[in-house]
N, C-alpha and C. Protein backbone atom coordinates (compact mmCIF):
# COMPACT_ATOMS: atom_id res chain seq x y z
N MET A 1 0.83 29.13 -19.44
CA MET A 1 2.12 29.39 -18.80
C MET A 1 2.22 28.65 -17.48
N LYS A 2 1.14 28.75 -16.69
CA LYS A 2 1.12 28.09 -15.38
C LYS A 2 1.28 26.58 -15.53
N LYS A 3 0.57 26.01 -16.54
CA LYS A 3 0.65 24.57 -16.78
C LYS A 3 2.07 24.17 -17.16
N THR A 4 2.73 24.99 -17.97
CA THR A 4 4.10 24.72 -18.39
C THR A 4 5.04 24.69 -17.19
N ILE A 5 4.85 25.63 -16.29
CA ILE A 5 5.69 25.70 -15.09
C ILE A 5 5.50 24.46 -14.23
N ILE A 6 4.25 24.01 -14.10
CA ILE A 6 3.96 22.81 -13.31
C ILE A 6 4.65 21.59 -13.92
N ILE A 7 4.56 21.45 -15.25
CA ILE A 7 5.18 20.32 -15.94
C ILE A 7 6.69 20.34 -15.76
N LEU A 8 7.29 21.53 -15.94
CA LEU A 8 8.73 21.66 -15.78
C LEU A 8 9.17 21.35 -14.35
N SER A 9 8.35 21.78 -13.40
CA SER A 9 8.66 21.50 -12.00
C SER A 9 8.64 20.00 -11.72
N ALA A 10 7.63 19.32 -12.30
CA ALA A 10 7.52 17.86 -12.10
C ALA A 10 8.73 17.15 -12.70
N ILE A 11 9.16 17.60 -13.88
CA ILE A 11 10.34 17.00 -14.52
C ILE A 11 11.58 17.23 -13.66
N PHE A 12 11.70 18.43 -13.11
CA PHE A 12 12.84 18.76 -12.26
C PHE A 12 12.87 17.87 -11.02
N VAL A 13 11.71 17.71 -10.39
CA VAL A 13 11.62 16.89 -9.18
C VAL A 13 12.00 15.44 -9.49
N ALA A 14 11.48 14.92 -10.60
CA ALA A 14 11.77 13.54 -10.98
C ALA A 14 13.26 13.35 -11.24
N ASN A 15 13.85 14.30 -11.98
CA ASN A 15 15.27 14.20 -12.27
C ASN A 15 16.12 14.33 -11.01
N PHE A 16 15.68 15.22 -10.11
CA PHE A 16 16.41 15.39 -8.85
C PHE A 16 16.34 14.12 -8.01
N SER A 17 15.12 13.49 -7.99
CA SER A 17 14.94 12.27 -7.22
C SER A 17 15.86 11.17 -7.72
N PHE A 18 15.92 11.02 -9.04
CA PHE A 18 16.79 10.00 -9.62
C PHE A 18 18.26 10.31 -9.32
N ALA A 19 18.60 11.59 -9.30
CA ALA A 19 19.99 11.98 -9.04
C ALA A 19 20.44 11.57 -7.65
N GLN A 20 19.47 11.45 -6.73
CA GLN A 20 19.79 11.08 -5.35
C GLN A 20 19.88 9.56 -5.17
N MET A 21 19.61 8.80 -6.22
CA MET A 21 19.57 7.34 -6.10
C MET A 21 20.70 6.70 -6.89
N PRO A 22 21.50 5.85 -6.26
CA PRO A 22 22.55 5.12 -6.99
C PRO A 22 21.93 4.23 -8.06
N ASP A 23 22.58 4.11 -9.21
CA ASP A 23 22.07 3.29 -10.30
C ASP A 23 21.85 1.85 -9.87
N LYS A 24 22.76 1.32 -9.08
CA LYS A 24 22.64 -0.06 -8.62
C LYS A 24 21.37 -0.25 -7.80
N PHE A 25 21.06 0.73 -6.98
CA PHE A 25 19.85 0.69 -6.16
C PHE A 25 18.61 0.71 -7.03
N VAL A 26 18.57 1.61 -7.99
CA VAL A 26 17.40 1.74 -8.88
C VAL A 26 17.16 0.44 -9.64
N LYS A 27 18.20 -0.14 -10.19
CA LYS A 27 18.06 -1.38 -10.95
C LYS A 27 17.57 -2.53 -10.09
N ALA A 28 18.11 -2.62 -8.87
CA ALA A 28 17.69 -3.69 -7.95
C ALA A 28 16.22 -3.52 -7.59
N MET A 29 15.81 -2.28 -7.36
CA MET A 29 14.43 -2.01 -7.02
C MET A 29 13.49 -2.30 -8.18
N GLU A 30 13.87 -1.86 -9.38
CA GLU A 30 13.02 -2.07 -10.55
C GLU A 30 12.74 -3.56 -10.79
N SER A 31 13.74 -4.40 -10.60
CA SER A 31 13.56 -5.83 -10.87
C SER A 31 12.57 -6.46 -9.90
N LYS A 32 12.54 -5.98 -8.67
CA LYS A 32 11.63 -6.54 -7.67
C LYS A 32 10.24 -5.91 -7.75
N ILE A 33 10.18 -4.62 -8.01
CA ILE A 33 8.89 -3.93 -8.14
C ILE A 33 8.07 -4.55 -9.27
N ALA A 34 8.75 -4.97 -10.32
CA ALA A 34 8.07 -5.58 -11.47
C ALA A 34 7.30 -6.85 -11.08
N GLU A 35 7.67 -7.46 -9.95
CA GLU A 35 7.03 -8.70 -9.52
C GLU A 35 5.78 -8.47 -8.67
N ILE A 36 5.58 -7.26 -8.19
CA ILE A 36 4.52 -7.01 -7.21
C ILE A 36 3.13 -7.35 -7.75
N ASP A 37 2.80 -6.85 -8.94
CA ASP A 37 1.45 -7.06 -9.46
C ASP A 37 1.19 -8.48 -9.94
N THR A 38 2.24 -9.30 -10.01
CA THR A 38 2.04 -10.70 -10.42
C THR A 38 2.22 -11.66 -9.25
N THR A 39 2.34 -11.11 -8.06
CA THR A 39 2.48 -11.95 -6.86
C THR A 39 1.14 -12.04 -6.15
N HIS A 40 0.72 -13.29 -5.85
CA HIS A 40 -0.63 -13.49 -5.30
C HIS A 40 -0.64 -14.44 -4.09
N THR A 41 0.53 -14.79 -3.57
CA THR A 41 0.58 -15.70 -2.43
C THR A 41 1.33 -15.06 -1.27
N ALA A 42 1.02 -15.53 -0.06
CA ALA A 42 1.71 -15.01 1.13
C ALA A 42 3.21 -15.27 1.04
N GLN A 43 3.59 -16.45 0.58
CA GLN A 43 5.01 -16.77 0.46
C GLN A 43 5.69 -15.88 -0.56
N GLY A 44 5.00 -15.62 -1.67
CA GLY A 44 5.56 -14.74 -2.69
C GLY A 44 5.82 -13.35 -2.15
N PHE A 45 4.86 -12.80 -1.40
CA PHE A 45 5.05 -11.46 -0.82
C PHE A 45 6.12 -11.48 0.27
N THR A 46 6.21 -12.58 1.01
CA THR A 46 7.25 -12.69 2.04
C THR A 46 8.63 -12.67 1.39
N ASP A 47 8.78 -13.40 0.30
CA ASP A 47 10.06 -13.41 -0.41
C ASP A 47 10.40 -12.02 -0.93
N LEU A 48 9.41 -11.31 -1.45
CA LEU A 48 9.64 -9.95 -1.93
C LEU A 48 10.01 -9.02 -0.78
N ALA A 49 9.30 -9.16 0.35
CA ALA A 49 9.60 -8.32 1.52
C ALA A 49 11.05 -8.51 1.96
N ASN A 50 11.49 -9.76 1.97
CA ASN A 50 12.88 -10.04 2.37
C ASN A 50 13.87 -9.44 1.38
N ALA A 51 13.52 -9.50 0.09
CA ALA A 51 14.40 -8.92 -0.93
C ALA A 51 14.50 -7.41 -0.76
N PHE A 52 13.37 -6.75 -0.55
CA PHE A 52 13.39 -5.30 -0.35
C PHE A 52 14.13 -4.92 0.93
N GLU A 53 14.00 -5.75 1.96
CA GLU A 53 14.71 -5.46 3.21
C GLU A 53 16.22 -5.55 3.01
N ARG A 54 16.65 -6.50 2.21
CA ARG A 54 18.09 -6.61 1.92
C ARG A 54 18.58 -5.37 1.17
N ILE A 55 17.76 -4.89 0.24
CA ILE A 55 18.12 -3.67 -0.49
C ILE A 55 18.16 -2.49 0.48
N ALA A 56 17.19 -2.42 1.38
CA ALA A 56 17.14 -1.33 2.36
C ALA A 56 18.36 -1.35 3.27
N ASP A 57 18.78 -2.54 3.67
CA ASP A 57 19.95 -2.66 4.55
C ASP A 57 21.22 -2.19 3.86
N ALA A 58 21.23 -2.31 2.52
CA ALA A 58 22.40 -1.87 1.76
C ALA A 58 22.37 -0.37 1.47
N GLU A 59 21.16 0.20 1.41
CA GLU A 59 20.98 1.63 1.11
C GLU A 59 20.08 2.24 2.18
N LYS A 60 20.63 2.49 3.34
CA LYS A 60 19.82 2.86 4.51
C LYS A 60 19.21 4.26 4.43
N ASN A 61 19.60 5.05 3.43
CA ASN A 61 19.03 6.40 3.31
C ASN A 61 17.95 6.49 2.24
N GLN A 62 17.48 5.34 1.75
CA GLN A 62 16.46 5.31 0.70
C GLN A 62 15.14 4.78 1.27
N TRP A 63 14.15 5.67 1.39
CA TRP A 63 12.90 5.29 2.04
C TRP A 63 12.08 4.27 1.26
N LEU A 64 12.22 4.26 -0.05
CA LEU A 64 11.37 3.39 -0.87
C LEU A 64 11.60 1.91 -0.62
N ALA A 65 12.82 1.52 -0.33
CA ALA A 65 13.09 0.10 -0.05
C ALA A 65 12.37 -0.34 1.23
N TYR A 66 12.41 0.50 2.26
CA TYR A 66 11.69 0.19 3.49
C TYR A 66 10.18 0.18 3.25
N TYR A 67 9.72 1.13 2.44
CA TYR A 67 8.29 1.21 2.12
C TYR A 67 7.80 -0.08 1.47
N TYR A 68 8.52 -0.55 0.45
CA TYR A 68 8.08 -1.75 -0.25
C TYR A 68 8.19 -3.00 0.62
N ALA A 69 9.20 -3.05 1.47
CA ALA A 69 9.31 -4.17 2.40
C ALA A 69 8.10 -4.22 3.32
N ALA A 70 7.69 -3.05 3.82
CA ALA A 70 6.51 -2.98 4.70
C ALA A 70 5.24 -3.34 3.93
N TYR A 71 5.11 -2.81 2.72
CA TYR A 71 3.94 -3.12 1.90
C TYR A 71 3.81 -4.63 1.64
N CYS A 72 4.92 -5.26 1.32
CA CYS A 72 4.89 -6.70 1.02
C CYS A 72 4.61 -7.54 2.26
N ASN A 73 5.15 -7.15 3.40
CA ASN A 73 4.84 -7.88 4.64
C ASN A 73 3.37 -7.71 5.01
N ALA A 74 2.84 -6.50 4.85
CA ALA A 74 1.42 -6.27 5.13
C ALA A 74 0.54 -7.08 4.18
N SER A 75 0.96 -7.18 2.93
CA SER A 75 0.19 -7.94 1.94
C SER A 75 0.22 -9.43 2.25
N ALA A 76 1.39 -9.93 2.64
CA ALA A 76 1.52 -11.35 2.99
C ALA A 76 0.63 -11.68 4.18
N GLY A 77 0.69 -10.83 5.22
CA GLY A 77 -0.12 -11.06 6.40
C GLY A 77 -1.61 -10.99 6.10
N SER A 78 -2.00 -10.07 5.21
CA SER A 78 -3.42 -9.93 4.87
C SER A 78 -3.95 -11.16 4.16
N LEU A 79 -3.15 -11.79 3.32
CA LEU A 79 -3.58 -13.01 2.64
C LEU A 79 -3.81 -14.13 3.64
N ILE A 80 -2.99 -14.17 4.68
CA ILE A 80 -3.17 -15.16 5.74
C ILE A 80 -4.40 -14.81 6.58
N GLY A 81 -4.56 -13.53 6.88
CA GLY A 81 -5.65 -13.07 7.74
C GLY A 81 -7.03 -13.22 7.12
N THR A 82 -7.11 -13.23 5.79
CA THR A 82 -8.41 -13.35 5.14
C THR A 82 -8.75 -14.79 4.76
N GLY A 83 -7.90 -15.72 5.11
CA GLY A 83 -8.18 -17.12 4.81
C GLY A 83 -9.00 -17.77 5.91
N GLY A 84 -9.87 -18.72 5.55
CA GLY A 84 -10.66 -19.44 6.55
C GLY A 84 -11.73 -18.57 7.18
N ASP A 85 -12.11 -18.92 8.41
CA ASP A 85 -13.14 -18.19 9.15
C ASP A 85 -12.61 -16.83 9.58
N MET A 86 -13.23 -15.77 9.07
CA MET A 86 -12.76 -14.41 9.35
C MET A 86 -12.83 -14.05 10.82
N MET A 87 -13.75 -14.65 11.56
CA MET A 87 -13.95 -14.29 12.95
C MET A 87 -13.04 -15.06 13.91
N THR A 88 -12.32 -16.04 13.39
CA THR A 88 -11.40 -16.81 14.21
C THR A 88 -10.09 -16.07 14.37
N SER A 89 -9.56 -16.01 15.58
CA SER A 89 -8.31 -15.30 15.82
C SER A 89 -7.16 -15.98 15.08
N LYS A 90 -6.40 -15.14 14.35
CA LYS A 90 -5.20 -15.62 13.65
C LYS A 90 -4.01 -14.75 14.03
N ALA A 91 -4.13 -14.07 15.17
CA ALA A 91 -3.12 -13.09 15.55
C ALA A 91 -1.73 -13.71 15.65
N ASP A 92 -1.66 -14.96 16.08
CA ASP A 92 -0.35 -15.60 16.20
C ASP A 92 0.34 -15.73 14.85
N LYS A 93 -0.46 -15.78 13.78
CA LYS A 93 0.11 -15.90 12.43
C LYS A 93 0.28 -14.54 11.76
N THR A 94 -0.65 -13.61 12.01
CA THR A 94 -0.61 -12.33 11.30
C THR A 94 0.21 -11.24 12.00
N ASP A 95 0.26 -11.27 13.33
CA ASP A 95 0.97 -10.21 14.05
C ASP A 95 2.47 -10.13 13.71
N PRO A 96 3.15 -11.26 13.51
CA PRO A 96 4.57 -11.14 13.12
C PRO A 96 4.78 -10.34 11.84
N TYR A 97 3.85 -10.48 10.89
CA TYR A 97 3.95 -9.70 9.65
C TYR A 97 3.69 -8.22 9.94
N ALA A 98 2.69 -7.95 10.77
CA ALA A 98 2.38 -6.56 11.13
C ALA A 98 3.54 -5.92 11.89
N ASP A 99 4.17 -6.69 12.77
CA ASP A 99 5.30 -6.17 13.54
C ASP A 99 6.46 -5.78 12.62
N LYS A 100 6.77 -6.66 11.66
CA LYS A 100 7.84 -6.36 10.70
C LYS A 100 7.49 -5.13 9.87
N ALA A 101 6.27 -5.11 9.37
CA ALA A 101 5.84 -3.99 8.53
C ALA A 101 5.88 -2.68 9.30
N ASP A 102 5.48 -2.71 10.57
CA ASP A 102 5.50 -1.50 11.41
C ASP A 102 6.92 -0.93 11.50
N LYS A 103 7.87 -1.79 11.77
CA LYS A 103 9.26 -1.34 11.90
C LYS A 103 9.77 -0.76 10.59
N GLN A 104 9.41 -1.42 9.49
CA GLN A 104 9.92 -0.98 8.19
C GLN A 104 9.28 0.33 7.75
N ILE A 105 7.98 0.49 7.98
CA ILE A 105 7.34 1.74 7.55
C ILE A 105 7.78 2.89 8.45
N SER A 106 8.12 2.60 9.70
CA SER A 106 8.65 3.64 10.59
C SER A 106 9.99 4.15 10.07
N LYS A 107 10.82 3.23 9.57
CA LYS A 107 12.11 3.64 9.01
C LYS A 107 11.89 4.47 7.75
N ALA A 108 10.90 4.07 6.94
CA ALA A 108 10.59 4.84 5.74
C ALA A 108 10.15 6.25 6.11
N GLU A 109 9.33 6.36 7.15
CA GLU A 109 8.81 7.67 7.55
C GLU A 109 9.88 8.56 8.14
N GLU A 110 10.89 7.97 8.75
CA GLU A 110 12.01 8.77 9.26
C GLU A 110 12.71 9.50 8.12
N LEU A 111 12.69 8.88 6.94
CA LEU A 111 13.37 9.44 5.78
C LEU A 111 12.45 10.28 4.89
N MET A 112 11.14 10.05 4.99
CA MET A 112 10.17 10.76 4.13
C MET A 112 8.91 11.08 4.96
N LYS A 113 8.82 12.31 5.41
CA LYS A 113 7.70 12.73 6.25
C LYS A 113 6.48 13.12 5.39
N ASN A 114 5.31 13.03 6.02
CA ASN A 114 4.06 13.53 5.42
C ASN A 114 3.84 13.03 3.99
N ASN A 115 3.90 11.73 3.84
CA ASN A 115 3.77 11.12 2.53
C ASN A 115 2.52 10.25 2.48
N SER A 116 1.66 10.47 1.50
CA SER A 116 0.41 9.74 1.36
C SER A 116 0.64 8.23 1.24
N GLU A 117 1.65 7.84 0.47
CA GLU A 117 1.89 6.41 0.26
C GLU A 117 2.26 5.70 1.56
N ILE A 118 2.99 6.37 2.40
CA ILE A 118 3.37 5.78 3.68
C ILE A 118 2.13 5.56 4.55
N TYR A 119 1.21 6.52 4.52
CA TYR A 119 -0.02 6.36 5.30
C TYR A 119 -0.93 5.28 4.71
N VAL A 120 -0.84 5.05 3.41
CA VAL A 120 -1.58 3.93 2.81
C VAL A 120 -1.11 2.62 3.44
N VAL A 121 0.20 2.45 3.57
CA VAL A 121 0.72 1.22 4.17
C VAL A 121 0.40 1.16 5.66
N LYS A 122 0.44 2.31 6.34
CA LYS A 122 0.05 2.32 7.75
C LYS A 122 -1.39 1.85 7.92
N LYS A 123 -2.24 2.24 6.98
CA LYS A 123 -3.63 1.80 7.00
C LYS A 123 -3.69 0.29 6.81
N MET A 124 -2.90 -0.23 5.89
CA MET A 124 -2.85 -1.67 5.65
C MET A 124 -2.42 -2.43 6.90
N ILE A 125 -1.46 -1.88 7.61
CA ILE A 125 -0.95 -2.55 8.82
C ILE A 125 -2.01 -2.55 9.92
N ALA A 126 -2.70 -1.42 10.10
CA ALA A 126 -3.77 -1.36 11.11
C ALA A 126 -4.88 -2.36 10.77
N THR A 127 -5.22 -2.47 9.49
CA THR A 127 -6.23 -3.43 9.05
C THR A 127 -5.76 -4.86 9.30
N LEU A 128 -4.48 -5.11 9.07
CA LEU A 128 -3.92 -6.44 9.32
C LEU A 128 -4.02 -6.80 10.80
N ARG A 129 -3.75 -5.86 11.67
CA ARG A 129 -3.88 -6.14 13.11
C ARG A 129 -5.34 -6.43 13.47
N LEU A 130 -6.23 -5.72 12.83
CA LEU A 130 -7.66 -5.97 13.04
C LEU A 130 -8.03 -7.38 12.57
N LEU A 131 -7.55 -7.77 11.41
CA LEU A 131 -7.84 -9.09 10.87
C LEU A 131 -7.33 -10.21 11.77
N GLY A 132 -6.28 -9.92 12.52
CA GLY A 132 -5.72 -10.94 13.40
C GLY A 132 -6.69 -11.41 14.47
N ASP A 133 -7.56 -10.51 14.93
CA ASP A 133 -8.54 -10.87 15.97
C ASP A 133 -9.69 -9.87 15.91
N PRO A 134 -10.54 -9.97 14.90
CA PRO A 134 -11.60 -8.96 14.68
C PRO A 134 -12.51 -8.75 15.88
N MET A 135 -12.89 -9.80 16.57
CA MET A 135 -13.83 -9.68 17.68
C MET A 135 -13.30 -8.81 18.80
N ASN A 136 -12.01 -8.91 19.06
CA ASN A 136 -11.43 -8.19 20.20
C ASN A 136 -10.69 -6.92 19.81
N ARG A 137 -10.43 -6.73 18.53
CA ARG A 137 -9.60 -5.60 18.13
C ARG A 137 -10.34 -4.54 17.32
N TYR A 138 -11.59 -4.78 16.99
CA TYR A 138 -12.29 -3.86 16.10
C TYR A 138 -12.32 -2.43 16.65
N MET A 139 -12.60 -2.28 17.94
CA MET A 139 -12.73 -0.95 18.53
C MET A 139 -11.40 -0.20 18.58
N THR A 140 -10.30 -0.93 18.53
CA THR A 140 -8.98 -0.28 18.55
C THR A 140 -8.48 0.00 17.14
N TYR A 141 -8.43 -1.05 16.33
CA TYR A 141 -7.78 -0.93 15.03
C TYR A 141 -8.71 -0.47 13.90
N GLY A 142 -10.03 -0.59 14.11
CA GLY A 142 -10.95 -0.02 13.13
C GLY A 142 -10.77 1.48 12.99
N PRO A 143 -10.86 2.23 14.11
CA PRO A 143 -10.64 3.69 14.05
C PRO A 143 -9.22 4.06 13.61
N GLU A 144 -8.23 3.25 14.03
CA GLU A 144 -6.84 3.57 13.62
C GLU A 144 -6.67 3.43 12.11
N ALA A 145 -7.23 2.37 11.56
CA ALA A 145 -7.15 2.16 10.11
C ALA A 145 -7.81 3.32 9.37
N GLN A 146 -8.96 3.76 9.85
CA GLN A 146 -9.67 4.87 9.22
C GLN A 146 -8.88 6.16 9.32
N ALA A 147 -8.25 6.39 10.47
CA ALA A 147 -7.45 7.60 10.66
C ALA A 147 -6.26 7.63 9.70
N MET A 148 -5.63 6.48 9.48
CA MET A 148 -4.50 6.41 8.56
C MET A 148 -4.97 6.67 7.12
N LEU A 149 -6.12 6.12 6.78
CA LEU A 149 -6.68 6.33 5.43
C LEU A 149 -7.05 7.79 5.22
N ASP A 150 -7.64 8.41 6.24
CA ASP A 150 -8.02 9.82 6.15
C ASP A 150 -6.78 10.70 5.94
N GLU A 151 -5.70 10.35 6.64
CA GLU A 151 -4.47 11.14 6.51
C GLU A 151 -3.84 10.94 5.13
N ALA A 152 -3.89 9.72 4.61
CA ALA A 152 -3.37 9.46 3.26
C ALA A 152 -4.13 10.28 2.24
N LYS A 153 -5.45 10.37 2.39
CA LYS A 153 -6.27 11.14 1.47
C LYS A 153 -6.01 12.65 1.62
N LYS A 154 -5.83 13.09 2.84
CA LYS A 154 -5.55 14.50 3.11
C LYS A 154 -4.23 14.92 2.45
N LEU A 155 -3.24 14.05 2.51
CA LEU A 155 -1.93 14.37 1.95
C LEU A 155 -1.91 14.33 0.43
N ASN A 156 -2.77 13.48 -0.15
CA ASN A 156 -2.86 13.42 -1.61
C ASN A 156 -4.20 12.80 -2.02
N ALA A 157 -5.17 13.64 -2.28
CA ALA A 157 -6.51 13.17 -2.65
C ALA A 157 -6.55 12.55 -4.04
N GLU A 158 -5.47 12.67 -4.81
CA GLU A 158 -5.40 12.08 -6.15
C GLU A 158 -4.66 10.75 -6.15
N ASN A 159 -4.35 10.23 -4.99
CA ASN A 159 -3.65 8.95 -4.88
C ASN A 159 -4.66 7.82 -5.09
N PRO A 160 -4.58 7.07 -6.17
CA PRO A 160 -5.59 6.03 -6.44
C PRO A 160 -5.60 4.91 -5.40
N ARG A 161 -4.46 4.68 -4.75
CA ARG A 161 -4.39 3.59 -3.77
C ARG A 161 -5.24 3.88 -2.53
N VAL A 162 -5.46 5.14 -2.24
CA VAL A 162 -6.36 5.51 -1.14
C VAL A 162 -7.75 4.94 -1.39
N TYR A 163 -8.23 5.08 -2.61
CA TYR A 163 -9.59 4.65 -2.93
C TYR A 163 -9.69 3.13 -3.12
N ILE A 164 -8.58 2.51 -3.47
CA ILE A 164 -8.57 1.04 -3.52
C ILE A 164 -8.82 0.48 -2.13
N LEU A 165 -8.11 0.99 -1.14
CA LEU A 165 -8.27 0.49 0.23
C LEU A 165 -9.66 0.83 0.77
N GLU A 166 -10.13 2.02 0.47
CA GLU A 166 -11.47 2.41 0.92
C GLU A 166 -12.53 1.50 0.29
N ALA A 167 -12.35 1.18 -0.99
CA ALA A 167 -13.29 0.31 -1.70
C ALA A 167 -13.24 -1.11 -1.16
N GLN A 168 -12.04 -1.60 -0.89
CA GLN A 168 -11.92 -2.96 -0.35
C GLN A 168 -12.62 -3.09 1.00
N ASP A 169 -12.53 -2.05 1.82
CA ASP A 169 -13.24 -2.08 3.10
C ASP A 169 -14.74 -2.23 2.86
N LYS A 170 -15.26 -1.46 1.92
CA LYS A 170 -16.69 -1.53 1.61
C LYS A 170 -17.08 -2.88 1.01
N TYR A 171 -16.21 -3.41 0.17
CA TYR A 171 -16.52 -4.64 -0.56
C TYR A 171 -16.50 -5.87 0.36
N PHE A 172 -15.49 -5.96 1.21
CA PHE A 172 -15.30 -7.18 1.99
C PHE A 172 -15.96 -7.15 3.37
N THR A 173 -16.40 -5.97 3.82
CA THR A 173 -17.08 -5.89 5.11
C THR A 173 -18.53 -6.32 4.95
N PRO A 174 -19.02 -7.22 5.81
CA PRO A 174 -20.44 -7.62 5.73
C PRO A 174 -21.36 -6.40 5.85
N GLU A 175 -22.51 -6.48 5.19
CA GLU A 175 -23.43 -5.33 5.17
C GLU A 175 -23.88 -4.92 6.57
N GLN A 176 -24.06 -5.89 7.46
CA GLN A 176 -24.52 -5.55 8.81
C GLN A 176 -23.48 -4.73 9.59
N PHE A 177 -22.24 -4.71 9.08
CA PHE A 177 -21.20 -3.92 9.73
C PHE A 177 -20.77 -2.72 8.88
N GLY A 178 -21.60 -2.38 7.90
CA GLY A 178 -21.32 -1.17 7.12
C GLY A 178 -20.79 -1.40 5.72
N GLY A 179 -20.65 -2.66 5.31
CA GLY A 179 -20.17 -2.94 3.96
C GLY A 179 -21.24 -2.64 2.91
N ASN A 180 -20.79 -2.36 1.70
CA ASN A 180 -21.73 -2.07 0.62
C ASN A 180 -20.99 -2.23 -0.71
N LYS A 181 -21.32 -3.28 -1.44
CA LYS A 181 -20.60 -3.58 -2.67
C LYS A 181 -20.82 -2.55 -3.76
N GLU A 182 -21.99 -1.92 -3.80
CA GLU A 182 -22.23 -0.91 -4.81
C GLU A 182 -21.44 0.37 -4.52
N GLU A 183 -21.33 0.72 -3.26
CA GLU A 183 -20.49 1.87 -2.90
C GLU A 183 -19.03 1.55 -3.20
N ALA A 184 -18.66 0.30 -2.98
CA ALA A 184 -17.30 -0.13 -3.29
C ALA A 184 -17.02 0.03 -4.78
N LYS A 185 -17.98 -0.32 -5.61
CA LYS A 185 -17.81 -0.21 -7.06
C LYS A 185 -17.51 1.22 -7.48
N VAL A 186 -18.23 2.17 -6.89
CA VAL A 186 -18.00 3.59 -7.21
C VAL A 186 -16.57 3.98 -6.86
N LEU A 187 -16.07 3.49 -5.73
CA LEU A 187 -14.71 3.80 -5.30
C LEU A 187 -13.67 3.12 -6.18
N PHE A 188 -13.93 1.86 -6.57
CA PHE A 188 -13.01 1.18 -7.49
C PHE A 188 -12.93 1.93 -8.82
N GLU A 189 -14.09 2.41 -9.28
CA GLU A 189 -14.12 3.16 -10.54
C GLU A 189 -13.38 4.49 -10.41
N LYS A 190 -13.46 5.09 -9.23
CA LYS A 190 -12.72 6.34 -9.00
C LYS A 190 -11.22 6.08 -9.06
N ALA A 191 -10.79 4.98 -8.42
CA ALA A 191 -9.37 4.62 -8.46
C ALA A 191 -8.92 4.37 -9.89
N GLN A 192 -9.74 3.63 -10.64
CA GLN A 192 -9.41 3.33 -12.03
C GLN A 192 -9.27 4.62 -12.85
N LYS A 193 -10.16 5.55 -12.62
CA LYS A 193 -10.11 6.84 -13.32
C LYS A 193 -8.84 7.61 -12.97
N LEU A 194 -8.48 7.60 -11.71
CA LEU A 194 -7.27 8.31 -11.28
C LEU A 194 -6.01 7.70 -11.89
N PHE A 195 -6.03 6.38 -12.08
CA PHE A 195 -4.88 5.72 -12.69
C PHE A 195 -4.64 6.18 -14.13
N GLU A 196 -5.68 6.70 -14.78
CA GLU A 196 -5.53 7.15 -16.16
C GLU A 196 -4.59 8.35 -16.28
N THR A 197 -4.51 9.13 -15.22
CA THR A 197 -3.65 10.32 -15.24
C THR A 197 -2.51 10.25 -14.23
N PHE A 198 -2.55 9.25 -13.34
CA PHE A 198 -1.52 9.16 -12.31
C PHE A 198 -0.16 8.82 -12.91
N LYS A 199 0.86 9.57 -12.50
CA LYS A 199 2.21 9.29 -12.95
C LYS A 199 3.13 9.26 -11.72
N PRO A 200 3.78 8.12 -11.48
CA PRO A 200 4.70 8.06 -10.34
C PRO A 200 5.88 8.99 -10.55
N GLU A 201 6.45 9.44 -9.46
CA GLU A 201 7.56 10.40 -9.52
C GLU A 201 8.75 9.84 -10.30
N THR A 202 9.04 8.57 -10.08
CA THR A 202 10.11 7.88 -10.82
C THR A 202 9.63 6.46 -11.10
N SER A 203 10.45 5.68 -11.77
CA SER A 203 10.08 4.31 -12.11
C SER A 203 9.97 3.41 -10.89
N ILE A 204 10.51 3.84 -9.75
CA ILE A 204 10.45 2.98 -8.56
C ILE A 204 9.55 3.55 -7.47
N HIS A 205 8.86 4.64 -7.76
CA HIS A 205 7.87 5.14 -6.80
C HIS A 205 6.58 4.33 -6.91
N PRO A 206 5.77 4.31 -5.86
CA PRO A 206 4.56 3.48 -5.84
C PRO A 206 3.66 3.69 -7.06
N ASN A 207 3.30 2.57 -7.68
CA ASN A 207 2.43 2.61 -8.85
C ASN A 207 1.56 1.35 -8.90
N TRP A 208 1.50 0.63 -7.78
CA TRP A 208 0.76 -0.63 -7.74
C TRP A 208 -0.75 -0.36 -7.60
N GLY A 209 -1.53 -1.36 -7.98
CA GLY A 209 -2.97 -1.28 -7.75
C GLY A 209 -3.84 -1.44 -8.98
N ARG A 210 -3.29 -1.18 -10.15
CA ARG A 210 -4.11 -1.27 -11.36
C ARG A 210 -4.73 -2.65 -11.55
N SER A 211 -3.93 -3.68 -11.36
CA SER A 211 -4.45 -5.04 -11.58
C SER A 211 -5.49 -5.41 -10.53
N GLN A 212 -5.32 -4.91 -9.30
CA GLN A 212 -6.32 -5.17 -8.25
C GLN A 212 -7.67 -4.56 -8.63
N VAL A 213 -7.62 -3.31 -9.10
CA VAL A 213 -8.86 -2.63 -9.49
C VAL A 213 -9.53 -3.34 -10.65
N ALA A 214 -8.75 -3.72 -11.65
CA ALA A 214 -9.31 -4.40 -12.82
C ALA A 214 -9.95 -5.73 -12.43
N TYR A 215 -9.28 -6.47 -11.55
CA TYR A 215 -9.83 -7.76 -11.12
C TYR A 215 -11.13 -7.57 -10.33
N LEU A 216 -11.13 -6.67 -9.37
CA LEU A 216 -12.31 -6.50 -8.52
C LEU A 216 -13.49 -5.93 -9.30
N LEU A 217 -13.24 -5.06 -10.24
CA LEU A 217 -14.33 -4.55 -11.08
C LEU A 217 -14.88 -5.65 -11.99
N SER A 218 -14.02 -6.60 -12.37
CA SER A 218 -14.49 -7.71 -13.22
C SER A 218 -15.49 -8.59 -12.49
N LEU A 219 -15.47 -8.58 -11.17
CA LEU A 219 -16.41 -9.39 -10.38
C LEU A 219 -17.84 -8.86 -10.47
N TYR A 220 -17.99 -7.62 -10.92
CA TYR A 220 -19.33 -7.04 -11.04
C TYR A 220 -19.99 -7.40 -12.36
N LYS A 221 -19.22 -7.97 -13.30
CA LYS A 221 -19.77 -8.24 -14.62
C LYS A 221 -20.54 -9.57 -14.65
């Protein structure tokens, strides 16, 4: 009986969420969200971020458009920040992406409080600022990134994207600074397991990450 009530409640929430979204908005979002997992370049993510921002400007009461714009800007900046010598300052190139993402995720949070997905992106932005100048920013943005990740996990411990980010930190951080590829593997596997049962609230709620997990786990074979 309890399980039935939970299922019915989830259906009600999903239907209510869709009822609050104009059809035109949902269709525009679906077409762009479909591109996320097949985008692998900074320019590609920048183009997506701009597209989501245009959608957000047209539907200012919909947090998801701002969320995806911030996610795509953070992703674009991260691709730039991880290129070349990691210890060389790239803040002049990465900070503009972080600044845009910060503004967009703040707008999303104004519309949707205490949301795990929003804190996932906040964690990405803090990490991006760290990547901009690791030598001088580690003591500031390292703890901030961890705090955002901890809050994302606290708000939803079943969110697979939390463990993707945690695993990436372990995988890409040198061992002398706390990295551990085997610990990362355990976290990637946890994320993969969670994806087996994870269901987004609607077709346009966050559901990214499966391809990242599959690719990174393939590196262990």
